[in-house]
Amino acid sequence: MIGAAIWHDEDFKASEIDSEAIVYLKGSVQAGEHVWVNELPAATVASVIHKGAYNTVSQAYEAIGRWIETNGSRWLVPTAKSTWSAPSRCARTMIPT
């Protein structure tokens, strides 16, 4: 299963983080007491895939930031992040532009 998160905060916060956990589903499910079902709206996004150690992920953010500025786009909040762990150790970040 591949999960993701939507981050609503514009800057890093160590606590009281406004975020949502995402699970991609192949079929429909019904909402329940502790389950909300939402469909994300279509959007144009900039996407980057980082493969490597977590302590170098900032390089991917810097690269996508340069691309966004160079192409006349801008960062919007919220952002979504999907994380794959071993064996490939990749993280994909999608930034609405």
Protein backbone atom coordinates (compact mmCIF):
# COMPACT_ATOMS: atom_id res chain seq x y z
CA MET A 1 0.00 0.00 0.00
CA ILE A 2 1.26 3.45 -0.88
CA GLY A 3 0.24 6.23 1.46
CA ALA A 4 0.56 9.96 1.28
CA ALA A 5 -0.07 13.06 3.31
CA ILE A 6 -1.44 16.52 2.62
CA TRP A 7 0.34 19.25 4.57
CA HIS A 8 -1.74 22.38 5.21
CA ASP A 9 0.90 24.38 7.09
CA GLU A 10 3.04 26.74 5.03
CA ASP A 11 6.13 26.35 7.22
CA PHE A 12 7.65 23.54 9.27
CA LYS A 13 6.00 22.97 12.65
CA ALA A 14 7.26 20.56 15.28
CA SER A 15 3.82 20.17 16.88
CA GLU A 16 0.13 20.87 16.22
CA ILE A 17 0.64 19.97 12.56
CA ASP A 18 -2.34 20.43 10.23
CA SER A 19 -2.20 17.43 7.90
CA GLU A 20 -4.24 14.58 6.46
CA ALA A 21 -3.19 10.97 5.91
CA ILE A 22 -4.09 9.53 2.51
CA VAL A 23 -4.61 5.97 1.37
CA TYR A 24 -5.14 5.38 -2.34
CA LEU A 25 -8.08 3.06 -3.02
CA LYS A 26 -8.98 1.03 -6.09
CA GLY A 27 -12.68 1.06 -5.25
CA SER A 28 -15.16 3.09 -3.31
CA VAL A 29 -15.69 2.88 0.43
CA GLN A 30 -18.23 4.39 2.73
CA ALA A 31 -17.31 7.03 5.25
CA GLY A 32 -17.62 6.08 8.90
CA GLU A 33 -17.19 7.55 12.34
CA HIS A 34 -13.39 7.78 12.01
CA VAL A 35 -13.07 7.60 8.22
CA TRP A 36 -13.55 10.49 5.84
CA VAL A 37 -13.70 9.86 2.12
CA ASN A 38 -12.64 12.70 -0.18
CA GLU A 39 -11.74 12.98 -3.83
CA LEU A 40 -8.98 15.46 -4.55
CA PRO A 41 -9.80 17.99 -7.26
CA ALA A 42 -7.87 17.98 -10.52
CA ALA A 43 -4.87 20.31 -10.43
CA THR A 44 -1.70 21.16 -12.29
CA VAL A 45 1.23 20.19 -10.09
CA ALA A 46 5.00 20.20 -10.11
CA SER A 47 6.34 16.82 -9.06
CA VAL A 48 9.76 15.67 -7.91
CA ILE A 49 11.05 12.23 -6.97
CA HIS A 50 13.87 12.01 -4.45
CA LYS A 51 15.82 8.77 -4.26
CA GLY A 52 18.28 8.62 -1.44
CA ALA A 53 18.78 9.29 2.22
CA TYR A 54 16.27 11.42 4.10
CA ASN A 55 19.00 13.90 5.08
CA THR A 56 19.40 14.83 1.38
CA VAL A 57 15.68 15.34 0.62
CA SER A 58 16.18 19.12 0.92
CA GLN A 59 18.06 18.96 -2.40
CA ALA A 60 14.87 17.77 -4.10
CA TYR A 61 12.86 20.60 -2.54
CA GLU A 62 15.48 23.12 -3.66
CA ALA A 63 15.42 21.72 -7.21
CA ILE A 64 11.63 21.85 -7.49
CA GLY A 65 11.64 25.36 -5.99
CA ARG A 66 14.07 26.55 -8.67
CA TRP A 67 11.94 24.90 -11.37
CA ILE A 68 8.74 26.53 -10.06
CA GLU A 69 10.36 29.99 -10.01
CA THR A 70 12.00 29.56 -13.43
CA ASN A 71 8.71 28.50 -15.01
CA GLY A 72 6.67 31.39 -13.63
CA SER A 73 4.66 29.29 -11.17
CA ARG A 74 4.32 29.65 -7.42
CA TRP A 75 4.08 27.42 -4.35
CA LEU A 76 0.57 26.86 -3.05
CA VAL A 77 -0.58 25.17 0.13
CA PRO A 78 -1.50 22.41 0.71
CA THR A 79 1.17 20.14 -0.70
CA ALA A 80 0.91 16.37 -0.97
CA LYS A 81 3.72 13.93 -0.29
CA SER A 82 3.82 10.23 -1.14
CA THR A 83 6.55 8.16 0.44
CA TRP A 84 7.83 4.80 -0.71
CA SER A 85 10.28 3.04 1.53
CA ALA A 86 12.75 0.23 0.86
CA PRO A 87 13.86 -1.12 -1.50
CA SER A 88 13.83 2.03 -3.66
CA ARG A 89 13.70 4.61 -0.80
CA CYS A 90 11.94 7.23 -2.94
CA ALA A 91 9.74 10.13 -1.95
CA ARG A 92 7.51 12.00 -4.39
CA THR A 93 6.26 15.48 -3.62
CA MET A 94 3.49 17.16 -5.59
CA ILE A 95 3.19 20.92 -5.33
CA PRO A 96 0.06 22.63 -6.71
CA THR A 97 1.18 25.47 -8.99
